[in-house]
Amino acid sequence: MHDEQRGVYQALVVAQEQGDEVALATIISVVGSVPRQAGSKMLVRRDGSIVGTVGGGAMEAKVIQEAIHAIQDGKTRLLSYTLNDMGAGDPGVCGGTIQMFVEPVSVPPVLLVIGGGHVGRALAELGKWCGYRVILSDDREAYCNPTYLPGLDGYAVCAPGDVPKQVTITQRTYVAAVTRGMPVDRTLIPALLQTPAAYIGLIGSRRRWALTVKALQDEQGLSSADLQRIHAPIGLELNAETPHEIALSILAEITLLRRGGDGRSMKAD
């Protein structure tokens, strides 16, 4: 394996470890005179930066844009470029044809647990077991560090309202706020609603949520439509009592949303 291709694979491994979504462009067939041969690869990041090359020039610029779109919509692309008809907009003058496969390389979804108490700890452990990249946040350093809870993918010690400034929240981030009370909610919820998180859940009773809703509407002007994004009280109704049972109910709701389930028993009627 030559150094350039090794660099592409190494960058792919790093992206997986860091949870960065990328796309891989591979030349799968060529006809005639072309700058690169079949098998040449290029890794494209969400910001358009690359590792490797599929030939440079206008054609490569087009491939980069297609790769960014692939990252955004999660769909593969089969592209074809003829490099000899500039009048028709073809991106080159080499005289050959290239067929390219662009593949988005996804990463595990992220479970962001806000609150490192008993439930947060149990939920973080369950999330790792289920294959999520898990990030824990708490404003108390003693409850948010690798000694307290080892093996997670990130730790953010900060005030709840500052979490979106410390952690990148994307459309593949599932946020479970298992926090200590309403004053925290009133700073955290508006900040989370500014993100594209796939799921935002808040622990607590129905009374706590009703009081939080009133405060957010009266003090911050949030609408009912805004607050519909919040799953509160968090989780499915399992009549759970222990921290691990509550964690199970939360991850069950996240799984239902993520996989498109309906929550009904699979037992035949």
C-alpha atoms as a PDB file:
ATOM      1  CA  MET A   1       0.000   0.000   0.000  1.00  0.00           C
ATOM      2  CA  HIS A   2       1.498   3.338  -1.024  1.00  0.00           C
ATOM      3  CA  ASP A   3       1.752   6.221   1.442  1.00  0.00           C
ATOM      4  CA  GLU A   4      -1.136   8.249   0.020  1.00  0.00           C
ATOM      5  CA  GLN A   5      -3.650   5.418   0.345  1.00  0.00           C
ATOM      6  CA  ARG A   6      -2.317   4.572   3.790  1.00  0.00           C
ATOM      7  CA  GLY A   7      -2.950   8.185   4.773  1.00  0.00           C
ATOM      8  CA  VAL A   8      -6.579   7.904   3.633  1.00  0.00           C
ATOM      9  CA  TYR A   9      -7.162   4.790   5.712  1.00  0.00           C
ATOM     10  CA  GLN A  10      -5.435   6.301   8.730  1.00  0.00           C
ATOM     11  CA  ALA A  11      -7.606   9.425   8.467  1.00  0.00           C
ATOM     12  CA  LEU A  12     -10.679   7.199   8.259  1.00  0.00           C
ATOM     13  CA  VAL A  13      -9.698   5.401  11.470  1.00  0.00           C
ATOM     14  CA  VAL A  14      -9.105   8.720  13.250  1.00  0.00           C
ATOM     15  CA  ALA A  15     -12.497  10.006  12.083  1.00  0.00           C
ATOM     16  CA  GLN A  16     -14.192   6.920  13.497  1.00  0.00           C
ATOM     17  CA  GLU A  17     -12.381   7.287  16.809  1.00  0.00           C
ATOM     18  CA  GLN A  18     -13.299  10.965  17.087  1.00  0.00           C
ATOM     19  CA  GLY A  19     -16.872  10.509  15.907  1.00  0.00           C
ATOM     20  CA  ASP A  20     -16.473  12.634  12.773  1.00  0.00           C
ATOM     21  CA  GLU A  21     -18.693  11.813   9.811  1.00  0.00           C
ATOM     22  CA  VAL A  22     -16.773  11.676   6.526  1.00  0.00           C
ATOM     23  CA  ALA A  23     -17.226  10.369   3.005  1.00  0.00           C
ATOM     24  CA  LEU A  24     -14.948   8.139   0.966  1.00  0.00           C
ATOM     25  CA  ALA A  25     -14.686   8.683  -2.790  1.00  0.00           C
ATOM     26  CA  THR A  26     -13.264   5.766  -4.791  1.00  0.00           C
ATOM     27  CA  ILE A  27     -12.580   5.554  -8.515  1.00  0.00           C
ATOM     28  CA  ILE A  28     -14.156   2.257  -9.555  1.00  0.00           C
ATOM     29  CA  SER A  29     -13.543   2.306 -13.322  1.00  0.00           C
ATOM     30  CA  VAL A  30     -11.700   4.344 -15.933  1.00  0.00           C
ATOM     31  CA  VAL A  31     -11.677   4.487 -19.724  1.00  0.00           C
ATOM     32  CA  GLY A  32      -9.037   6.295 -21.745  1.00  0.00           C
ATOM     33  CA  SER A  33      -6.600   8.883 -20.473  1.00  0.00           C
ATOM     34  CA  VAL A  34      -7.330   9.917 -16.873  1.00  0.00           C
ATOM     35  CA  PRO A  35      -5.227  11.448 -14.078  1.00  0.00           C
ATOM     36  CA  ARG A  36      -5.825   8.630 -11.567  1.00  0.00           C
ATOM     37  CA  GLN A  37      -6.522   4.936 -11.920  1.00  0.00           C
ATOM     38  CA  ALA A  38      -9.224   2.669 -10.496  1.00  0.00           C
ATOM     39  CA  GLY A  39      -8.851   2.156  -6.772  1.00  0.00           C
ATOM     40  CA  SER A  40      -7.648   5.690  -6.048  1.00  0.00           C
ATOM     41  CA  LYS A  41      -9.348   7.061  -2.941  1.00  0.00           C
ATOM     42  CA  MET A  42     -10.052  10.392  -1.303  1.00  0.00           C
ATOM     43  CA  LEU A  43     -11.494  11.057   2.135  1.00  0.00           C
ATOM     44  CA  VAL A  44     -13.694  14.151   2.438  1.00  0.00           C
ATOM     45  CA  ARG A  45     -14.630  15.781   5.727  1.00  0.00           C
ATOM     46  CA  ARG A  46     -17.794  17.754   6.403  1.00  0.00           C
ATOM     47  CA  ASP A  47     -15.879  21.051   6.056  1.00  0.00           C
ATOM     48  CA  GLY A  48     -14.581  20.057   2.607  1.00  0.00           C
ATOM     49  CA  SER A  49     -11.024  19.306   3.652  1.00  0.00           C
ATOM     50  CA  ILE A  50      -9.573  16.157   2.093  1.00  0.00           C
ATOM     51  CA  VAL A  51      -6.996  13.421   2.460  1.00  0.00           C
ATOM     52  CA  GLY A  52      -5.797  11.833  -0.787  1.00  0.00           C
ATOM     53  CA  THR A  53      -6.881  12.788  -4.291  1.00  0.00           C
ATOM     54  CA  VAL A  54      -8.937  11.489  -7.197  1.00  0.00           C
ATOM     55  CA  GLY A  55      -7.261  13.674  -9.771  1.00  0.00           C
ATOM     56  CA  GLY A  56      -7.465  17.304  -8.744  1.00  0.00           C
ATOM     57  CA  GLY A  57      -8.903  20.169 -10.711  1.00  0.00           C
ATOM     58  CA  ALA A  58     -12.558  20.889 -11.436  1.00  0.00           C
ATOM     59  CA  MET A  59     -13.556  17.231 -11.340  1.00  0.00           C
ATOM     60  CA  GLU A  60     -12.205  16.779  -7.824  1.00  0.00           C
ATOM     61  CA  ALA A  61     -13.989  19.951  -6.700  1.00  0.00           C
ATOM     62  CA  LYS A  62     -17.262  18.470  -7.976  1.00  0.00           C
ATOM     63  CA  VAL A  63     -16.591  15.200  -6.159  1.00  0.00           C
ATOM     64  CA  ILE A  64     -15.893  17.065  -2.916  1.00  0.00           C
ATOM     65  CA  GLN A  65     -19.245  18.835  -3.127  1.00  0.00           C
ATOM     66  CA  GLU A  66     -21.030  15.549  -3.814  1.00  0.00           C
ATOM     67  CA  ALA A  67     -19.227  13.982  -0.860  1.00  0.00           C
ATOM     68  CA  ILE A  68     -20.352  16.791   1.453  1.00  0.00           C
ATOM     69  CA  HIS A  69     -23.937  16.253   0.308  1.00  0.00           C
ATOM     70  CA  ALA A  70     -23.500  12.514   0.946  1.00  0.00           C
ATOM     71  CA  ILE A  71     -22.417  13.212   4.509  1.00  0.00           C
ATOM     72  CA  GLN A  72     -25.473  15.407   4.980  1.00  0.00           C
ATOM     73  CA  ASP A  73     -28.088  13.028   3.568  1.00  0.00           C
ATOM     74  CA  GLY A  74     -26.406   9.690   4.308  1.00  0.00           C
ATOM     75  CA  LYS A  75     -26.827   8.389   0.745  1.00  0.00           C
ATOM     76  CA  THR A  76     -24.243   6.832  -1.560  1.00  0.00           C
ATOM     77  CA  ARG A  77     -23.598   8.237  -5.012  1.00  0.00           C
ATOM     78  CA  LEU A  78     -22.399   6.739  -8.281  1.00  0.00           C
ATOM     79  CA  LEU A  79     -20.854   9.486 -10.384  1.00  0.00           C
ATOM     80  CA  SER A  80     -19.521   9.575 -13.903  1.00  0.00           C
ATOM     81  CA  TYR A  81     -17.300  12.230 -15.472  1.00  0.00           C
ATOM     82  CA  THR A  82     -16.121  12.552 -19.046  1.00  0.00           C
ATOM     83  CA  LEU A  83     -12.936  14.553 -19.161  1.00  0.00           C
ATOM     84  CA  ASN A  84     -12.960  15.671 -22.776  1.00  0.00           C
ATOM     85  CA  ASP A  85     -15.948  17.925 -23.423  1.00  0.00           C
ATOM     86  CA  MET A  86     -15.354  21.304 -21.808  1.00  0.00           C
ATOM     87  CA  GLY A  87     -18.192  22.830 -23.861  1.00  0.00           C
ATOM     88  CA  ALA A  88     -20.661  20.512 -22.170  1.00  0.00           C
ATOM     89  CA  GLY A  89     -19.282  21.366 -18.755  1.00  0.00           C
ATOM     90  CA  ASP A  90     -17.099  18.307 -18.322  1.00  0.00           C
ATOM     91  CA  PRO A  91     -14.386  18.968 -15.754  1.00  0.00           C
ATOM     92  CA  GLY A  92     -11.198  18.230 -17.671  1.00  0.00           C
ATOM     93  CA  VAL A  93      -9.345  17.736 -20.929  1.00  0.00           C
ATOM     94  CA  CYS A  94      -7.601  14.421 -20.388  1.00  0.00           C
ATOM     95  CA  GLY A  95      -9.853  12.577 -22.821  1.00  0.00           C
ATOM     96  CA  GLY A  96     -11.099   9.769 -20.596  1.00  0.00           C
ATOM     97  CA  THR A  97     -14.079   8.760 -18.484  1.00  0.00           C
ATOM     98  CA  ILE A  98     -14.109   8.107 -14.741  1.00  0.00           C
ATOM     99  CA  GLN A  99     -16.763   6.371 -12.688  1.00  0.00           C
ATOM    100  CA  MET A 100     -16.711   7.244  -8.999  1.00  0.00           C
ATOM    101  CA  PHE A 101     -18.408   5.753  -5.946  1.00  0.00           C
ATOM    102  CA  VAL A 102     -18.983   8.136  -3.038  1.00  0.00           C
ATOM    103  CA  GLU A 103     -19.853   6.515   0.266  1.00  0.00           C
ATOM    104  CA  PRO A 104     -20.754   8.349   3.485  1.00  0.00           C
ATOM    105  CA  VAL A 105     -19.035   6.729   6.439  1.00  0.00           C
ATOM    106  CA  SER A 106     -21.259   7.126   9.450  1.00  0.00           C
ATOM    107  CA  VAL A 107     -20.241   7.006  13.084  1.00  0.00           C
ATOM    108  CA  PRO A 108     -22.150   5.649  16.070  1.00  0.00           C
ATOM    109  CA  PRO A 109     -24.809   8.024  17.400  1.00  0.00           C
ATOM    110  CA  VAL A 110     -23.917  10.111  20.409  1.00  0.00           C
ATOM    111  CA  LEU A 111     -25.672   9.838  23.751  1.00  0.00           C
ATOM    112  CA  LEU A 112     -25.117  13.043  25.713  1.00  0.00           C
ATOM    113  CA  VAL A 113     -25.930  12.488  29.382  1.00  0.00           C
ATOM    114  CA  ILE A 114     -26.316  15.694  31.370  1.00  0.00           C
ATOM    115  CA  GLY A 115     -26.116  14.937  35.050  1.00  0.00           C
ATOM    116  CA  GLY A 116     -23.695  12.476  36.568  1.00  0.00           C
ATOM    117  CA  GLY A 117     -25.784  11.214  39.488  1.00  0.00           C
ATOM    118  CA  HIS A 118     -27.102   7.692  39.947  1.00  0.00           C
ATOM    119  CA  VAL A 119     -29.364   7.708  36.882  1.00  0.00           C
ATOM    120  CA  GLY A 120     -26.823   9.487  34.703  1.00  0.00           C
ATOM    121  CA  ARG A 121     -24.152   7.001  35.610  1.00  0.00           C
ATOM    122  CA  ALA A 122     -26.408   4.025  34.892  1.00  0.00           C
ATOM    123  CA  LEU A 123     -27.556   5.560  31.594  1.00  0.00           C
ATOM    124  CA  ALA A 124     -23.991   6.262  30.454  1.00  0.00           C
ATOM    125  CA  GLU A 125     -22.996   2.666  31.168  1.00  0.00           C
ATOM    126  CA  LEU A 126     -26.045   1.309  29.338  1.00  0.00           C
ATOM    127  CA  GLY A 127     -25.416   3.630  26.388  1.00  0.00           C
ATOM    128  CA  LYS A 128     -21.867   2.318  25.972  1.00  0.00           C
ATOM    129  CA  TRP A 129     -23.136  -1.256  26.156  1.00  0.00           C
ATOM    130  CA  CYS A 130     -25.617  -0.436  23.374  1.00  0.00           C
ATOM    131  CA  GLY A 131     -22.902   0.981  21.101  1.00  0.00           C
ATOM    132  CA  TYR A 132     -23.353   4.731  21.505  1.00  0.00           C
ATOM    133  CA  ARG A 133     -20.531   7.209  21.807  1.00  0.00           C
ATOM    134  CA  VAL A 134     -21.286   8.535  25.273  1.00  0.00           C
ATOM    135  CA  ILE A 135     -20.439  11.991  26.559  1.00  0.00           C
ATOM    136  CA  LEU A 136     -21.098  12.880  30.178  1.00  0.00           C
ATOM    137  CA  SER A 137     -21.596  16.434  31.449  1.00  0.00           C
ATOM    138  CA  ASP A 138     -22.012  17.774  34.947  1.00  0.00           C
ATOM    139  CA  ASP A 139     -21.137  21.026  36.691  1.00  0.00           C
ATOM    140  CA  ARG A 140     -19.517  18.987  39.468  1.00  0.00           C
ATOM    141  CA  GLU A 141     -16.104  17.697  38.478  1.00  0.00           C
ATOM    142  CA  ALA A 142     -16.333  14.888  41.030  1.00  0.00           C
ATOM    143  CA  TYR A 143     -19.247  13.420  39.039  1.00  0.00           C
ATOM    144  CA  CYS A 144     -17.736  13.902  35.596  1.00  0.00           C
ATOM    145  CA  ASN A 145     -14.305  12.386  35.117  1.00  0.00           C
ATOM    146  CA  PRO A 146     -12.710   9.094  33.959  1.00  0.00           C
ATOM    147  CA  THR A 147     -12.070   7.967  37.522  1.00  0.00           C
ATOM    148  CA  TYR A 148     -15.713   8.336  38.536  1.00  0.00           C
ATOM    149  CA  LEU A 149     -16.973   6.728  35.329  1.00  0.00           C
ATOM    150  CA  PRO A 150     -14.259   5.283  33.084  1.00  0.00           C
ATOM    151  CA  GLY A 151     -14.443   4.390  29.410  1.00  0.00           C
ATOM    152  CA  LEU A 152     -16.647   7.171  28.083  1.00  0.00           C
ATOM    153  CA  ASP A 153     -15.938   9.157  24.927  1.00  0.00           C
ATOM    154  CA  GLY A 154     -15.951  12.592  26.501  1.00  0.00           C
ATOM    155  CA  TYR A 155     -16.407  14.537  29.724  1.00  0.00           C
ATOM    156  CA  ALA A 156     -17.649  18.133  29.855  1.00  0.00           C
ATOM    157  CA  VAL A 157     -17.490  19.857  33.220  1.00  0.00           C
ATOM    158  CA  CYS A 158     -19.602  22.985  32.845  1.00  0.00           C
ATOM    159  CA  ALA A 159     -22.852  24.653  33.836  1.00  0.00           C
ATOM    160  CA  PRO A 160     -25.855  22.983  32.183  1.00  0.00           C
ATOM    161  CA  GLY A 161     -26.653  25.999  30.018  1.00  0.00           C
ATOM    162  CA  ASP A 162     -23.112  25.942  28.630  1.00  0.00           C
ATOM    163  CA  VAL A 163     -23.237  22.318  27.473  1.00  0.00           C
ATOM    164  CA  PRO A 164     -23.929  23.181  23.780  1.00  0.00           C
ATOM    165  CA  LYS A 165     -20.840  25.428  23.838  1.00  0.00           C
ATOM    166  CA  GLN A 166     -18.678  22.569  25.125  1.00  0.00           C
ATOM    167  CA  VAL A 167     -20.128  19.643  23.160  1.00  0.00           C
ATOM    168  CA  THR A 168     -20.899  19.531  19.442  1.00  0.00           C
ATOM    169  CA  ILE A 169     -24.556  18.511  19.162  1.00  0.00           C
ATOM    170  CA  THR A 170     -25.658  17.221  15.761  1.00  0.00           C
ATOM    171  CA  GLN A 171     -28.694  15.517  14.246  1.00  0.00           C
ATOM    172  CA  ARG A 172     -27.231  12.220  15.507  1.00  0.00           C
ATOM    173  CA  THR A 173     -27.010  13.371  19.135  1.00  0.00           C
ATOM    174  CA  TYR A 174     -29.498  12.098  21.711  1.00  0.00           C
ATOM    175  CA  VAL A 175     -29.583  14.262  24.822  1.00  0.00           C
ATOM    176  CA  ALA A 176     -30.787  12.943  28.169  1.00  0.00           C
ATOM    177  CA  ALA A 177     -30.915  15.625  30.845  1.00  0.00           C
ATOM    178  CA  VAL A 178     -31.061  13.835  34.173  1.00  0.00           C
ATOM    179  CA  THR A 179     -30.481  16.971  36.201  1.00  0.00           C
ATOM    180  CA  ARG A 180     -31.245  18.092  39.727  1.00  0.00           C
ATOM    181  CA  GLY A 181     -34.054  20.634  39.475  1.00  0.00           C
ATOM    182  CA  MET A 182     -36.005  23.370  37.763  1.00  0.00           C
ATOM    183  CA  PRO A 183     -33.456  26.223  38.002  1.00  0.00           C
ATOM    184  CA  VAL A 184     -31.136  24.035  35.919  1.00  0.00           C
ATOM    185  CA  ASP A 185     -33.907  23.299  33.411  1.00  0.00           C
ATOM    186  CA  ARG A 186     -34.576  26.983  32.820  1.00  0.00           C
ATOM    187  CA  THR A 187     -31.033  27.574  31.561  1.00  0.00           C
ATOM    188  CA  LEU A 188     -30.513  24.215  29.891  1.00  0.00           C
ATOM    189  CA  ILE A 189     -33.703  23.773  27.852  1.00  0.00           C
ATOM    190  CA  PRO A 190     -33.432  27.016  25.823  1.00  0.00           C
ATOM    191  CA  ALA A 191     -29.790  26.216  25.011  1.00  0.00           C
ATOM    192  CA  LEU A 192     -30.658  22.692  23.860  1.00  0.00           C
ATOM    193  CA  LEU A 193     -33.536  23.938  21.717  1.00  0.00           C
ATOM    194  CA  GLN A 194     -31.028  25.946  19.676  1.00  0.00           C
ATOM    195  CA  THR A 195     -29.339  22.688  18.588  1.00  0.00           C
ATOM    196  CA  PRO A 196     -30.402  20.108  15.956  1.00  0.00           C
ATOM    197  CA  ALA A 197     -30.391  17.275  18.527  1.00  0.00           C
ATOM    198  CA  ALA A 198     -32.370  14.213  17.456  1.00  0.00           C
ATOM    199  CA  TYR A 199     -33.821  13.820  20.942  1.00  0.00           C
ATOM    200  CA  ILE A 200     -33.994  15.968  24.052  1.00  0.00           C
ATOM    201  CA  GLY A 201     -35.325  14.327  27.185  1.00  0.00           C
ATOM    202  CA  LEU A 202     -35.717  15.738  30.693  1.00  0.00           C
ATOM    203  CA  ILE A 203     -36.079  13.681  33.842  1.00  0.00           C
ATOM    204  CA  GLY A 204     -38.588  14.552  36.535  1.00  0.00           C
ATOM    205  CA  SER A 205     -42.253  14.481  37.448  1.00  0.00           C
ATOM    206  CA  ARG A 206     -45.115  15.850  35.386  1.00  0.00           C
ATOM    207  CA  ARG A 207     -45.470  18.622  37.968  1.00  0.00           C
ATOM    208  CA  ARG A 208     -41.832  19.596  37.573  1.00  0.00           C
ATOM    209  CA  TRP A 209     -42.251  19.747  33.792  1.00  0.00           C
ATOM    210  CA  ALA A 210     -45.467  21.764  34.032  1.00  0.00           C
ATOM    211  CA  LEU A 211     -43.726  24.324  36.259  1.00  0.00           C
ATOM    212  CA  THR A 212     -40.739  24.392  33.920  1.00  0.00           C
ATOM    213  CA  VAL A 213     -42.968  24.964  30.895  1.00  0.00           C
ATOM    214  CA  LYS A 214     -44.715  27.890  32.583  1.00  0.00           C
ATOM    215  CA  ALA A 215     -41.412  29.469  33.583  1.00  0.00           C
ATOM    216  CA  LEU A 216     -39.917  29.061  30.109  1.00  0.00           C
ATOM    217  CA  GLN A 217     -42.996  30.528  28.440  1.00  0.00           C
ATOM    218  CA  ASP A 218     -43.327  33.450  30.870  1.00  0.00           C
ATOM    219  CA  GLU A 219     -39.646  34.337  31.216  1.00  0.00           C
ATOM    220  CA  GLN A 220     -38.098  33.285  27.889  1.00  0.00           C
ATOM    221  CA  GLY A 221     -41.021  33.496  25.511  1.00  0.00           C
ATOM    222  CA  LEU A 222     -40.741  29.908  24.340  1.00  0.00           C
ATOM    223  CA  SER A 223     -43.813  28.624  22.539  1.00  0.00           C
ATOM    224  CA  SER A 224     -45.691  25.377  22.984  1.00  0.00           C
ATOM    225  CA  ALA A 225     -44.373  24.319  19.575  1.00  0.00           C
ATOM    226  CA  ASP A 226     -40.783  24.874  20.767  1.00  0.00           C
ATOM    227  CA  LEU A 227     -41.365  22.799  23.877  1.00  0.00           C
ATOM    228  CA  GLN A 228     -42.980  19.939  21.957  1.00  0.00           C
ATOM    229  CA  ARG A 229     -39.442  18.835  21.090  1.00  0.00           C
ATOM    230  CA  ILE A 230     -38.808  17.979  24.735  1.00  0.00           C
ATOM    231  CA  HIS A 231     -39.583  14.462  25.954  1.00  0.00           C
ATOM    232  CA  ALA A 232     -40.674  15.098  29.517  1.00  0.00           C
ATOM    233  CA  PRO A 233     -41.020  13.251  31.726  1.00  0.00           C
ATOM    234  CA  ILE A 234     -38.274  11.282  30.017  1.00  0.00           C
ATOM    235  CA  GLY A 235     -38.525   7.614  29.059  1.00  0.00           C
ATOM    236  CA  LEU A 236     -41.181   4.991  28.494  1.00  0.00           C
ATOM    237  CA  GLU A 237     -43.598   4.068  31.255  1.00  0.00           C
ATOM    238  CA  LEU A 238     -42.064   0.916  32.730  1.00  0.00           C
ATOM    239  CA  ASN A 239     -42.992   1.746  36.330  1.00  0.00           C
ATOM    240  CA  ALA A 240     -39.217   1.869  36.825  1.00  0.00           C
ATOM    241  CA  GLU A 241     -37.790   2.533  40.283  1.00  0.00           C
ATOM    242  CA  THR A 242     -34.046   1.868  40.423  1.00  0.00           C
ATOM    243  CA  PRO A 243     -31.463   3.978  38.545  1.00  0.00           C
ATOM    244  CA  HIS A 244     -30.781   1.100  36.151  1.00  0.00           C
ATOM    245  CA  GLU A 245     -34.483   0.570  35.483  1.00  0.00           C
ATOM    246  CA  ILE A 246     -34.937   4.294  34.811  1.00  0.00           C
ATOM    247  CA  ALA A 247     -31.909   4.227  32.510  1.00  0.00           C
ATOM    248  CA  LEU A 248     -33.506   1.316  30.653  1.00  0.00           C
ATOM    249  CA  SER A 249     -36.758   3.256  30.193  1.00  0.00           C
ATOM    250  CA  ILE A 250     -34.843   6.253  28.819  1.00  0.00           C
ATOM    251  CA  LEU A 251     -32.774   4.270  26.344  1.00  0.00           C
ATOM    252  CA  ALA A 252     -35.884   2.337  25.319  1.00  0.00           C
ATOM    253  CA  GLU A 253     -37.560   5.626  24.343  1.00  0.00           C
ATOM    254  CA  ILE A 254     -34.461   6.761  22.452  1.00  0.00           C
ATOM    255  CA  THR A 255     -34.294   3.422  20.631  1.00  0.00           C
ATOM    256  CA  LEU A 256     -37.996   3.614  19.758  1.00  0.00           C
ATOM    257  CA  LEU A 257     -37.484   7.061  18.236  1.00  0.00           C
ATOM    258  CA  ARG A 258     -34.259   6.170  16.477  1.00  0.00           C
ATOM    259  CA  ARG A 259     -35.531   2.922  14.958  1.00  0.00           C
ATOM    260  CA  GLY A 260     -39.106   3.986  14.252  1.00  0.00           C
ATOM    261  CA  GLY A 261     -40.817   1.571  16.637  1.00  0.00           C
ATOM    262  CA  ASP A 262     -44.256   1.992  18.148  1.00  0.00           C
ATOM    263  CA  GLY A 263     -43.704   0.650  21.658  1.00  0.00           C
ATOM    264  CA  ARG A 264     -46.387  -2.046  21.489  1.00  0.00           C
ATOM    265  CA  SER A 265     -45.835  -5.540  22.822  1.00  0.00           C
ATOM    266  CA  MET A 266     -44.759  -7.943  20.101  1.00  0.00           C
ATOM    267  CA  LYS A 267     -46.868 -10.691  21.679  1.00  0.00           C
ATOM    268  CA  ALA A 268     -49.656 -11.771  19.345  1.00  0.00           C
ATOM    269  CA  ASP A 269     -53.148 -10.741  20.444  1.00  0.00           C
END
